Structure formats: C-alpha cells, structure tokens
C-alpha atoms as a PDB file:
ATOM      1  CA  MET A   1     -20.078 -11.484 -12.547  1.00  0.00           C
ATOM      2  CA  ILE A   2     -16.634 -12.778 -11.616  1.00  0.00           C
ATOM      3  CA  ILE A   3     -15.251 -11.316  -8.391  1.00  0.00           C
ATOM      4  CA  ALA A   4     -11.543 -11.536  -7.603  1.00  0.00           C
ATOM      5  CA  PRO A   5     -10.406 -10.265  -4.184  1.00  0.00           C
ATOM      6  CA  SER A   6      -6.907  -8.815  -4.414  1.00  0.00           C
ATOM      7  CA  ILE A   7      -4.663 -10.471  -1.857  1.00  0.00           C
ATOM      8  CA  LEU A   8      -2.508  -7.317  -1.872  1.00  0.00           C
ATOM      9  CA  ALA A   9      -5.143  -5.676   0.340  1.00  0.00           C
ATOM     10  CA  ALA A  10      -5.123  -8.526   2.880  1.00  0.00           C
ATOM     11  CA  ASP A  11      -3.599  -8.327   6.342  1.00  0.00           C
ATOM     12  CA  PHE A  12      -0.322 -10.177   5.850  1.00  0.00           C
ATOM     13  CA  GLY A  13      -0.004 -10.606   9.595  1.00  0.00           C
ATOM     14  CA  LYS A  14      -2.792 -13.147   9.328  1.00  0.00           C
ATOM     15  CA  LEU A  15      -2.486 -14.219   5.717  1.00  0.00           C
ATOM     16  CA  ARG A  16      -3.773 -17.748   6.256  1.00  0.00           C
ATOM     17  CA  GLU A  17      -6.959 -16.387   7.843  1.00  0.00           C
ATOM     18  CA  GLU A  18      -7.458 -13.910   5.020  1.00  0.00           C
ATOM     19  CA  ILE A  19      -7.076 -16.673   2.454  1.00  0.00           C
ATOM     20  CA  GLU A  20      -9.725 -18.689   4.261  1.00  0.00           C
ATOM     21  CA  ILE A  21     -12.143 -15.750   4.120  1.00  0.00           C
ATOM     22  CA  VAL A  22     -11.839 -15.700   0.342  1.00  0.00           C
ATOM     23  CA  ASN A  23     -12.197 -19.500   0.264  1.00  0.00           C
ATOM     24  CA  GLU A  24     -15.416 -19.301   2.269  1.00  0.00           C
ATOM     25  CA  SER A  25     -16.919 -16.529   0.167  1.00  0.00           C
ATOM     26  CA  SER A  26     -18.655 -16.798  -3.190  1.00  0.00           C
ATOM     27  CA  ALA A  27     -15.801 -14.882  -4.812  1.00  0.00           C
ATOM     28  CA  ASP A  28     -14.410 -16.660  -7.858  1.00  0.00           C
ATOM     29  CA  LEU A  29     -10.675 -15.954  -7.996  1.00  0.00           C
ATOM     30  CA  PHE A  30      -7.694 -14.828  -5.975  1.00  0.00           C
ATOM     31  CA  HIS A  31      -6.167 -11.819  -7.704  1.00  0.00           C
ATOM     32  CA  VAL A  32      -2.432 -11.605  -7.076  1.00  0.00           C
ATOM     33  CA  ASP A  33      -0.603  -8.356  -7.871  1.00  0.00           C
ATOM     34  CA  VAL A  34       3.156  -8.781  -8.222  1.00  0.00           C
ATOM     35  CA  MET A  35       5.077  -5.476  -8.222  1.00  0.00           C
ATOM     36  CA  ASP A  36       8.779  -4.919  -8.751  1.00  0.00           C
ATOM     37  CA  GLY A  37       9.286  -1.313  -7.651  1.00  0.00           C
ATOM     38  CA  VAL A  38      10.436  -0.450 -11.185  1.00  0.00           C
ATOM     39  CA  PHE A  39       7.394  -0.636 -13.449  1.00  0.00           C
ATOM     40  CA  VAL A  40       5.262   0.659 -10.566  1.00  0.00           C
ATOM     41  CA  PRO A  41       6.416   2.681  -7.536  1.00  0.00           C
ATOM     42  CA  ASN A  42       5.835  -0.106  -5.050  1.00  0.00           C
ATOM     43  CA  ILE A  43       7.035  -3.602  -4.194  1.00  0.00           C
ATOM     44  CA  SER A  44       4.557  -6.282  -3.195  1.00  0.00           C
ATOM     45  CA  PHE A  45       5.698  -9.882  -2.803  1.00  0.00           C
ATOM     46  CA  GLY A  46       7.200 -12.763  -4.698  1.00  0.00           C
ATOM     47  CA  PHE A  47       7.555 -16.504  -4.676  1.00  0.00           C
ATOM     48  CA  PRO A  48       7.300 -17.204  -0.901  1.00  0.00           C
ATOM     49  CA  VAL A  49       3.814 -15.688  -0.753  1.00  0.00           C
ATOM     50  CA  MET A  50       2.887 -17.471  -3.974  1.00  0.00           C
ATOM     51  CA  GLU A  51       3.818 -20.756  -2.301  1.00  0.00           C
ATOM     52  CA  VAL A  52       1.406 -20.011   0.549  1.00  0.00           C
ATOM     53  CA  LEU A  53      -1.380 -19.081  -1.860  1.00  0.00           C
ATOM     54  CA  ALA A  54      -0.831 -22.159  -4.004  1.00  0.00           C
ATOM     55  CA  LYS A  55      -1.002 -24.330  -0.894  1.00  0.00           C
ATOM     56  CA  TYR A  56      -4.092 -22.896   0.790  1.00  0.00           C
ATOM     57  CA  ALA A  57      -6.185 -21.169  -1.875  1.00  0.00           C
ATOM     58  CA  LYS A  58      -9.202 -23.221  -2.906  1.00  0.00           C
ATOM     59  CA  LYS A  59     -10.097 -20.913  -5.769  1.00  0.00           C
ATOM     60  CA  PRO A  60      -8.081 -20.306  -8.950  1.00  0.00           C
ATOM     61  CA  LEU A  61      -5.192 -17.849  -8.919  1.00  0.00           C
ATOM     62  CA  ASP A  62      -5.287 -14.848 -11.251  1.00  0.00           C
ATOM     63  CA  VAL A  63      -1.761 -13.405 -11.276  1.00  0.00           C
ATOM     64  CA  HIS A  64      -1.085  -9.876 -12.528  1.00  0.00           C
ATOM     65  CA  LEU A  65       2.580  -9.140 -13.222  1.00  0.00           C
ATOM     66  CA  MET A  66       3.299  -5.425 -12.764  1.00  0.00           C
ATOM     67  CA  ILE A  67       6.952  -5.935 -13.587  1.00  0.00           C
ATOM     68  CA  VAL A  68       9.386  -5.058 -16.342  1.00  0.00           C
ATOM     69  CA  GLN A  69      10.413  -7.882 -18.643  1.00  0.00           C
ATOM     70  CA  PRO A  70       7.750 -10.257 -17.311  1.00  0.00           C
ATOM     71  CA  GLU A  71       8.949 -12.932 -19.719  1.00  0.00           C
ATOM     72  CA  ARG A  72      11.817 -13.598 -17.291  1.00  0.00           C
ATOM     73  CA  TYR A  73       9.420 -14.956 -14.684  1.00  0.00           C
ATOM     74  CA  THR A  74       6.278 -16.226 -16.416  1.00  0.00           C
ATOM     75  CA  ASP A  75       7.390 -19.867 -16.362  1.00  0.00           C
ATOM     76  CA  ARG A  76       8.240 -19.682 -12.663  1.00  0.00           C
ATOM     77  CA  PHE A  77       4.843 -18.241 -11.798  1.00  0.00           C
ATOM     78  CA  MET A  78       2.998 -20.751 -13.959  1.00  0.00           C
ATOM     79  CA  ASP A  79       4.630 -23.521 -11.937  1.00  0.00           C
ATOM     80  CA  PHE A  80       2.215 -22.557  -9.140  1.00  0.00           C
ATOM     81  CA  GLY A  81      -0.750 -23.883 -11.108  1.00  0.00           C
ATOM     82  CA  LEU A  82      -2.303 -20.582 -12.122  1.00  0.00           C
ATOM     83  CA  GLN A  83      -5.582 -20.276 -13.943  1.00  0.00           C
ATOM     84  CA  SER A  84      -4.712 -16.933 -15.525  1.00  0.00           C
ATOM     85  CA  LEU A  85      -1.731 -14.649 -15.950  1.00  0.00           C
ATOM     86  CA  SER A  86      -1.669 -11.070 -17.228  1.00  0.00           C
ATOM     87  CA  ILE A  87       1.324  -9.021 -18.325  1.00  0.00           C
ATOM     88  CA  HIS A  88       1.482  -5.306 -19.015  1.00  0.00           C
ATOM     89  CA  PHE A  89       1.581  -4.087 -22.588  1.00  0.00           C
ATOM     90  CA  GLU A  90       3.791  -1.209 -21.444  1.00  0.00           C
ATOM     91  CA  ALA A  91       6.344  -3.420 -19.662  1.00  0.00           C
ATOM     92  CA  CYS A  92       7.030  -6.147 -22.188  1.00  0.00           C
ATOM     93  CA  VAL A  93       9.171  -5.773 -25.316  1.00  0.00           C
ATOM     94  CA  GLN A  94       8.079  -9.053 -26.935  1.00  0.00           C
ATOM     95  CA  VAL A  95       4.368  -8.996 -26.132  1.00  0.00           C
ATOM     96  CA  HIS A  96       3.258 -11.508 -28.779  1.00  0.00           C
ATOM     97  CA  ARG A  97       5.991 -13.997 -27.943  1.00  0.00           C
ATOM     98  CA  THR A  98       5.327 -13.790 -24.211  1.00  0.00           C
ATOM     99  CA  LEU A  99       1.570 -14.236 -24.595  1.00  0.00           C
ATOM    100  CA  GLU A 100       2.139 -17.216 -26.870  1.00  0.00           C
ATOM    101  CA  SER A 101       4.410 -18.845 -24.311  1.00  0.00           C
ATOM    102  CA  ILE A 102       1.764 -18.429 -21.616  1.00  0.00           C
ATOM    103  CA  LYS A 103      -1.032 -19.765 -23.813  1.00  0.00           C
ATOM    104  CA  ASN A 104       1.080 -22.768 -24.837  1.00  0.00           C
ATOM    105  CA  LYS A 105       1.288 -23.757 -21.164  1.00  0.00           C
ATOM    106  CA  GLY A 106      -2.497 -23.951 -20.938  1.00  0.00           C
ATOM    107  CA  VAL A 107      -2.842 -20.821 -18.786  1.00  0.00           C
ATOM    108  CA  LYS A 108      -5.396 -18.134 -19.642  1.00  0.00           C
ATOM    109  CA  THR A 109      -3.589 -15.129 -21.076  1.00  0.00           C
ATOM    110  CA  GLY A 110      -4.303 -11.523 -20.268  1.00  0.00           C
ATOM    111  CA  ILE A 111      -2.969  -8.195 -21.443  1.00  0.00           C
ATOM    112  CA  ALA A 112      -3.038  -5.408 -18.861  1.00  0.00           C
ATOM    113  CA  ILE A 113      -3.093  -1.770 -19.907  1.00  0.00           C
ATOM    114  CA  ASN A 114      -2.623   1.379 -17.861  1.00  0.00           C
ATOM    115  CA  PRO A 115      -5.176   4.221 -17.813  1.00  0.00           C
ATOM    116  CA  GLY A 116      -3.012   6.233 -20.213  1.00  0.00           C
ATOM    117  CA  THR A 117      -2.743   3.436 -22.793  1.00  0.00           C
ATOM    118  CA  SER A 118      -5.266   3.203 -25.612  1.00  0.00           C
ATOM    119  CA  GLU A 119      -7.474   0.131 -25.733  1.00  0.00           C
ATOM    120  CA  SER A 120      -6.644  -0.078 -29.451  1.00  0.00           C
ATOM    121  CA  VAL A 121      -3.484  -2.035 -28.551  1.00  0.00           C
ATOM    122  CA  VAL A 122      -5.768  -5.028 -27.936  1.00  0.00           C
ATOM    123  CA  GLU A 123      -6.718  -5.433 -31.607  1.00  0.00           C
ATOM    124  CA  PRO A 124      -3.454  -7.047 -32.856  1.00  0.00           C
ATOM    125  CA  LEU A 125      -3.462  -9.325 -29.801  1.00  0.00           C
ATOM    126  CA  ARG A 126      -7.005 -10.548 -30.316  1.00  0.00           C
ATOM    127  CA  ASP A 127      -6.065 -14.153 -31.096  1.00  0.00           C
ATOM    128  CA  LEU A 128      -3.702 -14.482 -28.146  1.00  0.00           C
ATOM    129  CA  ILE A 129      -5.715 -13.189 -25.211  1.00  0.00           C
ATOM    130  CA  ASP A 130      -8.440 -14.587 -23.000  1.00  0.00           C
ATOM    131  CA  PHE A 131      -8.978 -11.334 -21.135  1.00  0.00           C
ATOM    132  CA  VAL A 132      -8.006  -7.671 -20.989  1.00  0.00           C
ATOM    133  CA  ASN A 133      -7.063  -6.281 -17.586  1.00  0.00           C
ATOM    134  CA  LEU A 134      -8.045  -2.604 -17.630  1.00  0.00           C
ATOM    135  CA  MET A 135      -6.357  -0.622 -14.891  1.00  0.00           C
ATOM    136  CA  THR A 136      -8.956   1.764 -13.505  1.00  0.00           C
ATOM    137  CA  VAL A 137      -6.374   3.500 -11.295  1.00  0.00           C
ATOM    138  CA  ASN A 138      -2.710   4.288 -11.811  1.00  0.00           C
ATOM    139  CA  PRO A 139      -1.049   1.009 -10.762  1.00  0.00           C
ATOM    140  CA  GLY A 140       1.078   0.671  -7.684  1.00  0.00           C
ATOM    141  CA  PHE A 141      -1.089   1.429  -4.667  1.00  0.00           C
ATOM    142  CA  GLY A 142      -4.508   0.541  -3.314  1.00  0.00           C
ATOM    143  CA  GLY A 143      -7.177   2.940  -2.116  1.00  0.00           C
ATOM    144  CA  GLN A 144      -7.150   5.237  -5.172  1.00  0.00           C
ATOM    145  CA  SER A 145     -10.147   6.801  -6.914  1.00  0.00           C
ATOM    146  CA  PHE A 146     -11.677   5.304 -10.051  1.00  0.00           C
ATOM    147  CA  ILE A 147     -10.500   7.045 -13.254  1.00  0.00           C
ATOM    148  CA  GLN A 148     -13.702   7.849 -15.130  1.00  0.00           C
ATOM    149  CA  SER A 149     -12.095   7.968 -18.577  1.00  0.00           C
ATOM    150  CA  VAL A 150     -11.742   4.179 -18.386  1.00  0.00           C
ATOM    151  CA  VAL A 151     -15.517   3.873 -18.808  1.00  0.00           C
ATOM    152  CA  ARG A 152     -15.155   4.694 -22.497  1.00  0.00           C
ATOM    153  CA  LYS A 153     -12.492   1.992 -22.832  1.00  0.00           C
ATOM    154  CA  ILE A 154     -14.854  -0.598 -21.389  1.00  0.00           C
ATOM    155  CA  GLU A 155     -17.575   0.397 -23.820  1.00  0.00           C
ATOM    156  CA  ASN A 156     -15.194   0.410 -26.780  1.00  0.00           C
ATOM    157  CA  LEU A 157     -13.758  -3.017 -25.946  1.00  0.00           C
ATOM    158  CA  ASP A 158     -17.213  -4.468 -25.425  1.00  0.00           C
ATOM    159  CA  ASN A 159     -18.333  -3.100 -28.801  1.00  0.00           C
ATOM    160  CA  PHE A 160     -15.166  -4.401 -30.459  1.00  0.00           C
ATOM    161  CA  ARG A 161     -15.609  -7.967 -29.237  1.00  0.00           C
ATOM    162  CA  ARG A 162     -19.295  -7.968 -30.185  1.00  0.00           C
ATOM    163  CA  GLU A 163     -18.608  -6.695 -33.689  1.00  0.00           C
ATOM    164  CA  GLU A 164     -15.732  -9.139 -34.227  1.00  0.00           C
ATOM    165  CA  GLU A 165     -17.475 -12.030 -32.411  1.00  0.00           C
ATOM    166  CA  LEU A 166     -14.622 -12.423 -29.936  1.00  0.00           C
ATOM    167  CA  ASP A 167     -14.933 -13.950 -26.501  1.00  0.00           C
ATOM    168  CA  PHE A 168     -12.211 -12.293 -24.418  1.00  0.00           C
ATOM    169  CA  LEU A 169     -13.322 -11.044 -21.009  1.00  0.00           C
ATOM    170  CA  ILE A 170     -12.873  -7.550 -19.604  1.00  0.00           C
ATOM    171  CA  GLU A 171     -11.309  -7.347 -16.156  1.00  0.00           C
ATOM    172  CA  LEU A 172     -11.321  -4.148 -14.087  1.00  0.00           C
ATOM    173  CA  ASP A 173      -8.549  -3.615 -11.571  1.00  0.00           C
ATOM    174  CA  GLY A 174      -8.656  -0.749  -9.098  1.00  0.00           C
ATOM    175  CA  ALA A 175     -11.265   1.189  -7.064  1.00  0.00           C
ATOM    176  CA  ILE A 176     -14.041  -1.341  -7.656  1.00  0.00           C
ATOM    177  CA  THR A 177     -16.626  -1.119  -4.873  1.00  0.00           C
ATOM    178  CA  GLY A 178     -20.136  -2.201  -4.082  1.00  0.00           C
ATOM    179  CA  ASP A 179     -21.272   1.194  -5.340  1.00  0.00           C
ATOM    180  CA  ASN A 180     -19.905   1.013  -8.896  1.00  0.00           C
ATOM    181  CA  ILE A 181     -19.587  -2.697  -9.689  1.00  0.00           C
ATOM    182  CA  HIS A 182     -23.106  -3.124 -11.086  1.00  0.00           C
ATOM    183  CA  GLU A 183     -22.780  -0.060 -13.320  1.00  0.00           C
ATOM    184  CA  MET A 184     -19.520  -1.418 -14.726  1.00  0.00           C
ATOM    185  CA  ALA A 185     -21.118  -4.821 -15.340  1.00  0.00           C
ATOM    186  CA  VAL A 186     -23.943  -3.239 -17.320  1.00  0.00           C
ATOM    187  CA  ILE A 187     -21.543  -1.499 -19.722  1.00  0.00           C
ATOM    188  CA  GLY A 188     -19.584  -4.685 -20.399  1.00  0.00           C
ATOM    189  CA  ALA A 189     -17.089  -5.599 -17.685  1.00  0.00           C
ATOM    190  CA  ASP A 190     -16.892  -9.250 -16.585  1.00  0.00           C
ATOM    191  CA  ILE A 191     -14.196  -9.662 -13.905  1.00  0.00           C
ATOM    192  CA  PHE A 192     -13.921  -7.329 -10.928  1.00  0.00           C
ATOM    193  CA  VAL A 193     -10.812  -7.079  -8.798  1.00  0.00           C
ATOM    194  CA  MET A 194     -11.699  -5.877  -5.304  1.00  0.00           C
ATOM    195  CA  GLY A 195      -9.030  -4.990  -2.770  1.00  0.00           C
ATOM    196  CA  THR A 196      -9.855  -2.803   0.212  1.00  0.00           C
ATOM    197  CA  ALA A 197     -13.536  -2.927  -0.740  1.00  0.00           C
ATOM    198  CA  PHE A 198     -13.466  -6.649   0.106  1.00  0.00           C
ATOM    199  CA  PHE A 199     -10.960  -7.045   2.918  1.00  0.00           C
ATOM    200  CA  LYS A 200     -12.099  -3.990   4.912  1.00  0.00           C
ATOM    201  CA  GLN A 201     -15.666  -5.231   5.156  1.00  0.00           C
ATOM    202  CA  LYS A 202     -16.919  -6.381   8.556  1.00  0.00           C
ATOM    203  CA  ASP A 203     -18.302  -9.436   6.782  1.00  0.00           C
ATOM    204  CA  PRO A 204     -16.610  -9.957   3.391  1.00  0.00           C
ATOM    205  CA  VAL A 205     -18.477 -13.221   2.802  1.00  0.00           C
ATOM    206  CA  ALA A 206     -21.887 -11.549   3.129  1.00  0.00           C
ATOM    207  CA  PHE A 207     -20.647  -8.578   1.089  1.00  0.00           C
ATOM    208  CA  VAL A 208     -19.866 -10.714  -1.964  1.00  0.00           C
ATOM    209  CA  SER A 209     -23.080 -12.723  -1.584  1.00  0.00           C
ATOM    210  CA  ASP A 210     -25.121  -9.512  -1.574  1.00  0.00           C
ATOM    211  CA  ILE A 211     -23.378  -8.227  -4.704  1.00  0.00           C
ATOM    212  CA  LYS A 212     -24.000 -11.459  -6.600  1.00  0.00           C
ATOM    213  CA  LEU A 213     -27.615 -11.654  -5.440  1.00  0.00           C
ATOM    214  CA  LYS A 214     -28.278  -8.128  -6.649  1.00  0.00           C
ATOM    215  CA  ALA A 215     -26.680  -8.987 -10.003  1.00  0.00           C
ATOM    216  CA  MET A 216     -29.019 -11.976 -10.366  1.00  0.00           C
ATOM    217  CA  ILE A 217     -32.063  -9.893  -9.512  1.00  0.00           C
ATOM    218  CA  ASP A 218     -31.095  -7.106 -11.894  1.00  0.00           C
END
C-alpha cells in the first residue's frame, strides 16, 4: 500500500512544517498536483513551490500535471528530480511521444484519466507506462465525493494487467479516506493519493501508521 499525501491540501502558510509532517510519517510519496486553470477550473502552483518541495522533501515526488499541452513543461519539471510524472490522456495531443520522452529521462511514467474517460485507453499505452492515475473525482478541487463508477475501472485494469502479465500500478486520486482505502486495495489499487484526509488529521503521522498496520494485519 503506497500512500501519497497531496501537497495541494497542505496549509501553504506553513508549507515547510507540512512538508516535515509528511517526511516524519510512513507515507511513501509526495503527490504534487499542478493545475493551469484551463484543463481544470482551478490554478494551483508552479515552479517556486516545486523548488521548495525539491529542497525539503525527503520522500520521492509524484507530480501530476493537470495542464493542457503538458509536453511543454515535462522537461522543466523533471529537472526537480522527480520519481514519477503523470500526464492526462485528455490534455495531450501527442500522448505516445510525451510518455516516451518522460521514460527516456528515467522517470516513472503515468497516464491520468478522468472519471468520464474509458480505461480502455490504457491498452495501446501498455509498454510506455509504469502506472495509471485514475481520477476518482472530477479534477480541479479537493473535498469532493468518490465517484463509485470508478470501482469498475479499477477491477477492469487489475484484470487486464493480470491477464496480460503487466506490472503497471494503479493510482487513485481523489476522495481517498481511511474508510475506503482498504476496500480499494482489495480490488486492485496500489497507490493512494490522500489530500484533506491526511492534512486535516489531528495526528497525520499516526493516521498513516494505523492504515498501514491494518493493511498488514488484513
């Protein structure tokens, strides 16, 4: 069970402290949502915040580009020493070419798909991806409800990779909580992006430890 707190849900008035909370926890990644106000109806942050994360984060960075024409900026983001980078199928004209360019830089490649996009788009990308980022809410804002129709996508992708003997991971992004994370793990998900569910906890460090302990026991 790979847990990736989304820095978008952090208190940016005390960003350094929030980064340290993630560092101290047993979470595995920093998930970084970059929004342009065009592909999604919100704007998040850009390179200045990335510089802070690259400097102080002690866990790998998992960057999710919610932007149109992501190929314009992939090289710039990879300069921050990312572990993984996902682009949206719906926002990129040259999906194959862009994924190849990411993979050639030694960064794990991900394809992100919106709730309204069929998981079948993954099949022709099978040799280029390390993970699929399934949006479980409509992208752009935190605090939304989990879209239940995504459950079938998780099951279908898990069946597909088993049948084809593929090793890509399934990442879930949006409305992941302590109440549904174990259910999603059972049906095949591997990476769990947690925003408000992590940062709004009184003790985020204990929260993640409890989740991982329960997963081990189960």
